[in-house]
Amino acid sequence: MASFVPQYPFVKGQILHALDLLSVGDNARPRLESLATAIKNIASNDFQDFDKVIDQFMFAPLNLNVSRSPASMNHILQQWLDPNSATTYFPEHQPIAPTFASGMLRTVEASLTGKTDPRPIDAWWILGHRTFEVMTLVTDRQVTMLLCTPAPHGKPPSGIWHPPAEGYVTGHHGVVTRKYVPPRT
């Protein structure tokens, strides 16, 4: 989904960036409604086809062809969603598809409660968490989704899959604030 710089425990990735993009624009409501329906439709099968939902209802409507590439989709399946993969990032928390999909559904449903348009979604991957969970934070202005995970097992992918975003980390070791801005292409 994305890579990270160890000293910065947050990143956006292709799935989260796509979710952000789905929530804004002229077709935001029907796109989010279609995504919500698709997620609900795979719930009875333990969300086994979550990768296909991501591809068909997130990447395809946005024409994110790089994200739809076989290599990218294989990465999502092998490192994230396939609980039997030898290269999964979170083996002790598998299966994660039910948690990830249910959390995304809750975020989408919260976005769709916007009066006229959906509330914009701002989704982030937060690393260094003890467990694998999704937090949804709702205000009148937006819905924030935090995909909270431990650090991934194995070698994370190289390069940042970037959306235009900024994040700041403030620590107590001398109170140092670090700014990370992913490169823009």
Protein backbone atom coordinates (compact mmCIF):
# COMPACT_ATOMS: atom_id res chain seq x y z
CA MET A 1 0.00 0.00 0.00
CA ALA A 2 2.79 2.41 0.81
CA SER A 3 6.21 2.59 2.32
CA PHE A 4 7.30 4.65 5.25
CA VAL A 5 10.29 6.44 6.66
CA PRO A 6 10.98 4.85 10.09
CA GLN A 7 11.25 8.14 11.97
CA TYR A 8 7.85 9.25 10.64
CA PRO A 9 5.12 6.90 11.84
CA PHE A 10 2.50 7.91 9.26
CA VAL A 11 2.01 7.66 5.52
CA LYS A 12 -0.67 7.71 2.88
CA GLY A 13 -0.83 4.83 0.47
CA GLN A 14 -2.60 4.02 -2.77
CA ILE A 15 -5.73 2.64 -1.09
CA LEU A 16 -6.05 5.46 1.41
CA HIS A 17 -5.31 8.10 -1.21
CA ALA A 18 -7.98 6.59 -3.46
CA LEU A 19 -10.47 6.72 -0.59
CA ASP A 20 -9.66 10.42 -0.13
CA LEU A 21 -10.22 11.07 -3.84
CA LEU A 22 -13.48 9.08 -3.96
CA SER A 23 -15.00 11.32 -1.30
CA VAL A 24 -14.73 14.57 -3.24
CA GLY A 25 -15.92 15.75 -6.63
CA ASP A 26 -19.10 15.63 -8.67
CA ASN A 27 -19.59 11.86 -8.45
CA ALA A 28 -18.51 11.40 -4.84
CA ARG A 29 -21.86 10.24 -3.46
CA PRO A 30 -22.58 7.52 -6.07
CA ARG A 31 -18.95 6.33 -5.98
CA LEU A 32 -18.99 6.01 -2.18
CA GLU A 33 -22.43 4.36 -2.22
CA SER A 34 -21.16 1.80 -4.74
CA LEU A 35 -18.09 1.12 -2.60
CA ALA A 36 -20.22 0.70 0.54
CA THR A 37 -22.55 -1.73 -1.23
CA ALA A 38 -19.62 -3.73 -2.61
CA ILE A 39 -18.03 -4.03 0.85
CA LYS A 40 -21.35 -5.11 2.37
CA ASN A 41 -21.74 -7.72 -0.39
CA ILE A 42 -18.47 -9.47 0.56
CA ALA A 43 -19.05 -9.40 4.32
CA SER A 44 -20.70 -12.83 4.39
CA ASN A 45 -17.58 -14.32 2.77
CA ASP A 46 -15.18 -12.87 5.40
CA PHE A 47 -14.22 -10.11 2.96
CA GLN A 48 -12.17 -12.54 0.85
CA ASP A 49 -12.55 -10.42 -2.28
CA PHE A 50 -11.62 -7.11 -0.68
CA ASP A 51 -8.74 -6.70 -3.17
CA LYS A 52 -11.22 -6.97 -6.06
CA VAL A 53 -13.52 -4.40 -4.41
CA ILE A 54 -10.57 -2.03 -4.01
CA ASP A 55 -9.66 -2.45 -7.66
CA GLN A 56 -13.19 -2.25 -9.11
CA PHE A 57 -14.78 0.36 -6.83
CA MET A 58 -11.82 2.54 -5.89
CA PHE A 59 -9.01 2.39 -8.44
CA ALA A 60 -11.09 1.86 -11.61
CA PRO A 61 -13.53 4.79 -11.15
CA LEU A 62 -10.59 7.10 -10.51
CA ASN A 63 -8.54 5.76 -13.44
CA LEU A 64 -5.64 4.96 -11.11
CA ASN A 65 -4.02 2.63 -13.61
CA VAL A 66 -0.68 2.43 -11.77
CA SER A 67 -2.55 1.16 -8.71
CA ARG A 68 -4.41 -1.35 -10.89
CA SER A 69 -1.22 -2.87 -12.30
CA PRO A 70 -0.66 -6.58 -11.65
CA ALA A 71 2.37 -5.78 -9.48
CA SER A 72 0.42 -3.32 -7.35
CA MET A 73 -2.59 -5.60 -6.94
CA ASN A 74 -0.29 -8.53 -6.11
CA HIS A 75 1.38 -6.39 -3.45
CA ILE A 76 -2.00 -5.56 -1.88
CA LEU A 77 -2.94 -9.22 -1.83
CA GLN A 78 0.38 -10.74 -0.74
CA GLN A 79 1.57 -8.17 1.79
CA TRP A 80 -1.82 -7.13 3.16
CA LEU A 81 -4.88 -9.27 2.52
CA ASP A 82 -3.86 -12.91 2.01
CA PRO A 83 -3.65 -14.43 5.49
CA ASN A 84 -1.71 -17.41 4.10
CA SER A 85 0.95 -15.35 2.33
CA ALA A 86 4.51 -15.98 3.48
CA THR A 87 5.24 -12.26 2.94
CA THR A 88 2.30 -10.71 4.77
CA TYR A 89 3.16 -7.63 6.79
CA PHE A 90 1.04 -8.54 9.81
CA PRO A 91 1.04 -12.34 10.24
CA GLU A 92 0.04 -12.23 13.91
CA HIS A 93 -3.02 -10.08 13.09
CA GLN A 94 -4.35 -12.03 10.12
CA PRO A 95 -6.89 -12.05 8.72
CA ILE A 96 -6.92 -8.26 8.46
CA ALA A 97 -9.36 -7.94 5.55
CA PRO A 98 -12.43 -8.02 7.86
CA THR A 99 -11.02 -5.27 10.06
CA PHE A 100 -9.75 -3.14 7.17
CA ALA A 101 -12.95 -3.51 5.12
CA SER A 102 -15.28 -2.97 8.10
CA GLY A 103 -13.34 0.11 9.18
CA MET A 104 -13.40 1.48 5.64
CA LEU A 105 -17.15 0.82 5.46
CA ARG A 106 -17.70 2.71 8.72
CA THR A 107 -15.68 5.62 7.35
CA VAL A 108 -17.62 5.66 4.06
CA GLU A 109 -20.95 5.51 5.89
CA ALA A 110 -19.89 8.44 8.08
CA SER A 111 -18.86 10.39 4.99
CA LEU A 112 -22.23 9.74 3.36
CA THR A 113 -24.04 11.44 6.28
CA GLY A 114 -23.01 14.80 4.85
CA LYS A 115 -26.09 16.93 4.17
CA THR A 116 -25.56 17.76 0.50
CA ASP A 117 -22.25 16.21 -0.45
CA PRO A 118 -20.37 13.50 1.38
CA ARG A 119 -17.97 14.72 4.04
CA PRO A 120 -14.44 14.60 2.62
CA ILE A 121 -12.36 11.70 3.87
CA ASP A 122 -8.77 12.13 5.05
CA ALA A 123 -7.22 8.67 5.51
CA TRP A 124 -3.80 7.91 7.02
CA TRP A 125 -1.76 4.82 7.83
CA ILE A 126 -0.34 5.14 11.37
CA LEU A 127 2.55 2.79 12.20
CA GLY A 128 3.80 1.58 15.56
CA HIS A 129 0.37 0.71 16.95
CA ARG A 130 0.07 -2.39 19.17
CA THR A 131 -2.73 -3.98 17.14
CA PHE A 132 -4.31 -3.75 13.71
CA GLU A 133 -7.36 -1.51 13.88
CA VAL A 134 -9.17 1.24 12.02
CA MET A 135 -10.28 4.43 13.75
CA THR A 136 -12.93 6.70 12.26
CA LEU A 137 -13.13 10.28 13.52
CA VAL A 138 -16.09 12.42 12.41
CA THR A 139 -16.57 16.18 12.46
CA ASP A 140 -18.95 18.43 10.56
CA ARG A 141 -16.16 19.17 8.07
CA GLN A 142 -14.61 15.78 7.37
CA VAL A 143 -14.15 12.14 8.29
CA THR A 144 -10.67 11.03 9.28
CA MET A 145 -9.75 7.37 8.94
CA LEU A 146 -6.67 6.11 10.76
CA LEU A 147 -5.42 2.68 9.73
CA CYS A 148 -3.38 1.84 12.84
CA THR A 149 -0.89 -1.03 12.54
CA PRO A 150 2.31 -2.37 14.04
CA ALA A 151 5.41 -1.87 11.90
CA PRO A 152 5.22 -4.27 8.94
CA HIS A 153 7.18 -7.52 9.01
CA GLY A 154 9.71 -7.99 6.26
CA LYS A 155 11.07 -5.41 3.92
CA PRO A 156 8.62 -2.58 3.25
CA PRO A 157 8.23 -1.47 -0.36
CA SER A 158 10.69 1.12 -1.60
CA GLY A 159 9.67 4.64 -2.50
CA ILE A 160 6.70 6.59 -1.22
CA TRP A 161 3.40 6.23 -3.05
CA HIS A 162 2.57 9.85 -2.61
CA PRO A 163 -0.49 11.97 -2.36
CA PRO A 164 0.05 15.64 -1.66
CA ALA A 165 0.00 15.65 2.15
CA GLU A 166 1.94 16.89 5.12
CA GLY A 167 2.37 15.40 8.55
CA TYR A 168 4.16 16.50 11.69
CA VAL A 169 5.52 14.47 14.59
CA THR A 170 6.34 16.14 17.87
CA GLY A 171 8.29 14.11 20.40
CA HIS A 172 9.33 14.57 23.99
CA HIS A 173 13.06 13.96 23.39
CA GLY A 174 14.01 17.60 23.60
CA VAL A 175 10.66 18.51 22.05
CA VAL A 176 11.64 18.15 18.43
CA THR A 177 9.17 18.62 15.63
CA ARG A 178 9.87 16.84 12.36
CA LYS A 179 8.05 17.55 9.17
CA TYR A 180 7.61 14.98 6.43
CA VAL A 181 6.28 15.96 3.05
CA PRO A 182 6.13 13.08 0.55
CA PRO A 183 7.76 13.85 -2.79
CA ARG A 184 5.38 15.02 -5.51
CA THR A 185 5.63 13.67 -9.04
